[in-house]
Every structure is written in C-alpha cells, then in structure tokens.
Protein backbone atom coordinates (compact mmCIF):
# COMPACT_ATOMS: atom_id res chain seq x y z
CA UNK A 1 114.83 126.14 73.28
CA UNK A 2 111.75 123.94 73.52
CA UNK A 3 109.65 123.46 76.64
CA UNK A 4 110.66 119.78 76.89
CA UNK A 5 114.35 120.67 76.74
CA UNK A 6 113.96 123.23 79.53
CA UNK A 7 112.04 120.73 81.70
CA UNK A 8 114.66 118.03 81.18
CA UNK A 9 117.47 120.48 81.90
CA UNK A 10 115.71 121.58 85.11
CA UNK A 11 115.29 117.95 86.25
CA UNK A 12 118.94 117.25 85.51
CA UNK A 13 120.02 120.20 87.64
CA UNK A 14 117.81 119.01 90.51
CA UNK A 15 119.22 115.49 90.23
CA UNK A 16 122.81 116.72 90.31
CA UNK A 17 122.12 118.71 93.48
CA UNK A 18 120.38 115.87 95.35
CA UNK A 19 122.10 114.76 98.50
CA UNK A 20 122.48 111.19 99.65
CA UNK A 21 119.89 110.11 102.21
CA UNK A 22 122.68 109.11 104.60
CA UNK A 23 123.88 112.74 104.72
CA UNK A 24 120.43 113.92 105.84
CA UNK A 25 119.08 111.23 108.18
CA UNK A 26 120.27 111.01 111.79
CA UNK A 27 122.94 108.57 112.84
CA UNK A 28 121.49 106.08 115.33
CA UNK A 29 123.92 104.15 117.55
CA UNK A 30 123.93 100.37 116.98
CA UNK A 31 121.51 100.66 114.04
CA UNK A 32 121.56 97.67 111.67
CA UNK A 33 119.87 99.62 108.85
CA UNK A 34 117.15 102.21 108.39
CA UNK A 35 114.42 102.61 105.79
CA UNK A 36 112.24 105.49 104.65
CA UNK A 37 109.05 104.03 103.22
CA UNK A 38 105.92 105.44 101.61
CA UNK A 39 103.71 103.01 103.57
CA UNK A 40 103.65 101.85 107.17
CA UNK A 41 105.77 98.67 107.34
CA UNK A 42 104.27 95.48 108.72
CA UNK A 43 106.23 92.97 110.77
CA UNK A 44 106.54 90.75 107.68
CA UNK A 45 107.96 93.66 105.63
CA UNK A 46 110.47 94.47 108.36
CA UNK A 47 111.65 90.84 108.43
CA UNK A 48 111.94 90.90 104.62
CA UNK A 49 113.95 94.14 104.69
CA UNK A 50 116.18 92.68 107.42
CA UNK A 51 117.22 89.91 105.02
CA UNK A 52 117.48 92.33 102.08
CA UNK A 53 119.58 95.15 103.56
CA UNK A 54 123.14 94.72 104.81
CA UNK A 55 123.70 95.47 108.48
CA UNK A 56 125.93 98.46 107.82
CA UNK A 57 124.04 101.23 109.63
CA UNK A 58 122.93 103.01 106.45
CA UNK A 59 119.52 104.37 105.50
CA UNK A 60 117.58 103.13 102.46
CA UNK A 61 114.54 104.38 100.55
CA UNK A 62 111.67 101.99 99.83
CA UNK A 63 108.82 103.20 97.60
CA UNK A 64 106.14 100.55 97.14
CA UNK A 65 103.57 100.50 94.34
CA UNK A 66 101.00 97.79 93.46
CA UNK A 67 103.16 96.08 90.80
CA UNK A 68 106.68 97.18 91.70
CA UNK A 69 108.95 98.36 94.50
CA UNK A 70 111.78 100.89 94.23
CA UNK A 71 114.62 100.22 96.68
CA UNK A 72 117.31 102.91 96.63
CA UNK A 73 116.14 103.88 93.14
CA UNK A 74 116.30 100.33 91.74
CA UNK A 75 113.03 98.90 90.39
CA UNK A 76 112.00 95.44 91.60
CA UNK A 77 108.94 93.90 89.93
CA UNK A 78 106.51 91.98 92.13
CA UNK A 79 105.69 88.54 90.73
CA UNK A 80 103.42 85.78 91.93
CA UNK A 81 105.11 82.45 92.56
CA UNK A 82 102.22 80.72 90.75
CA UNK A 83 102.86 82.70 87.55
CA UNK A 84 106.59 81.95 87.37
CA UNK A 85 107.50 79.32 84.83
C-alpha cells in the first residue's frame, strides 16, 4: 500500500464520520439562519448572506478566500463586474 493510498483512505474515513453542522450548533429560537465564518462579517456581508440563505433556521459554513468563497462546501468564484463580458 502506498503512502498516497493510505492518506486518501484516512481522509475518506474522516469525511464519512463528519457530522452535519446543524447537529452540532445550538438551536436558537426564531433564528432566520446562522453562519460560521472564517472572518468577522461586516454589515454588508450580513445583508448579502440574508439574501443568499433561506430563512429556515439552519446553520451554514462560509469560508472566504481572496479569489473564492466556499458556502456549505460549494465553491463560488469572486468576479469583478467590470471584467464580465
């Protein structure tokens, strides 16, 4: 068994045992949505997330990088409006 195979197998086992964020995070009464972020959210980001997330009382993960954002594990590329054709 190669080292790469053992690493990939280990990652697969960890992924299969991961729990959903909504099982871990607390339930807040009358919560529209919740977000775990890697950066402190600004008022503009909160307004943007309010339009993005459904008001179903569930938690979401938001990991922001300079060129992309991962929302619940889905990659969203940041693009400038000037560069769109």
